Amino acid sequence: MPETIYDVVIIGSGPAGYTAAIRAGQYGLKTALIEKDGFLGGTCLHVGCIPTKALLFNAELWDHLKDAKEFGIEGVDARALNWAAIQERKSKIVAKHAKGLEFLMKKNKVETVKGYGKLTGPAQNGVLTVEVANDGKTNRLKAKNVLLATGSEARMLPGLVADDRVLTNIEILSLRDLPKSLVIVGAGAVGVEFASIYRSFGCEVTIVEMLPRLVPVEDEEVSKELARVYRKRGINFHTGAKVEKVEKTKAGIAVTITVDGEQEKIEAEKILIAVGRKPRTENVGLEKTKIKPERGFIQVDSWMHTAEPGVYAVGDVVLGAPQLAHVGAMEALVAVARIAGKPSKPINPEHIPGATYCHPEIGSVGLTEAKAREAGYNVKVGKFPFTANSRASIVGQHEGFIKIVADAEYGEILGVHIIGPQATELIAEAVAAMELEATVEDLVWTIHAHPTLAEAMLDASNSVYGMAINA
């Protein structure tokens, strides 16, 4: 029998990898998807976005029950938290979607190959070879194109190893019991989300962040608002703080930090390290190619092509791109369209939404006010608080605002920053508007249904001109 030569072989089945595989199948390309674990979906589905958001939804329900009397619901004072049932529901959601991915591979005629895939060198006569190791056995796949989608893993502080007290995103998602106290190192999306979850469930939470503010990539006003709400919720935090030492104690851990030149010791049951993620590119055969990683990341062009002909990289391994599931998925669509010779367009970094699912939620796209000013724009800002939005009153979530950063001369939307109820959903309108090159004036004349949270976008766009109706 002649040897199979695939049109594309994909290494890694996270959101970038499985999206690439499905789209390649839809284009009619002969496709193989290599996955080292016994399931498809990668970090995002199994120990990232999906289980975390399931827990956040549980935490939100629990918070609503605390205010049940205000909503006219009596008799819930004796409520009890069944942590095991919460974990089971989370696992069922993950399992359902993992099965869904298996179905989608079959539907799109994608061959799944279990094992650890790595490059073996440049193409010979236009054909690349990928080595696949599984249970001591080695197999080789031939392909015209290879897509690297190997993902990332949690960075650890020097000298620390993950265990039952020192946690990463993996360990914290499978705790058998709720800790009474938790220190979180890092106030990015992962850190503030887990702070939100565990505080809702009654845990004493302290965040330690090296940079001057919480969620440091967001607009400064969003950071201030989150800090205000977290203080109100009883979440402790130290910004501009450095972790000096983490020690094991009889009861848990002790963390020595330096803030404003002073040392302080915080004791807790457990510590979560949430200081970012490193790309998994160390043992994938890059050294046998023209690809020269930078801090482990892979440089690509606007079509996701690497320096090695026929090799593409997508997802968390890509240099300079935000490590977000939706970015990896879109990069995959761009790369596979290029491979298939189909129309596509490069990603515009300014149109990538950020979504953080803490309570209150955060959604943002484009330039912050500070970055817009740095870039030399004549900036006009509109801001509308959810306290003045009727739907926010109905759902009992008044915190936060929508802020629109615009160019004063032409009304170009430069950035939109939301903190408040359903912010991660509301940001989609801003992304669509920016992608379609709508102006603030276009938003002003767009009819928004009433009463909705989305109406706050209408008021925010009007407030750019100082003419919001409801404020």
Foldseek 3Di string as FASTA:
>chain_A
DDADAWQEEEEAQALLQLLLLLVLLVLVTAYEYEYQDPFGHPCCLPLHVQLLVLLLVVLVVLLCLVVVVVVVDDDCPPPDDDVVVSLVVSVVSSVVVRVVSVVSCVVSVYHYHHFHWAWDAADDVQKTWIWGDDPNDIDIHIYNFYEYEQAWAADDDPPDDDDQFEAESRNVSDDPDQWQEEEEEAQAQVRLSVLQSNLSVNHAYEYEELAQFHNVVAFPVLRVLVVVVCVVSNHHYAYNKAWDDWAADPQAIWTWIAHPNDIDIDDTRHYYYHHDIAGPQPPRHCVNYPFDADSQATEAPQLQHGPRPRYGYFAPRHPPADRDSVRSSLSSVSNSCVSSVHDDGGDDRQLDWDWRSRVQIKIKGADHQVVCVVVPAPKFKFKFFQLLAPVCVVVVKGGWIKMFIARPPPQFTGMIITTTHPNNVLCVVVSVCNVVRHGLVNLCPDDDDPRDPNVRSNQRSCCSVPGRPRD
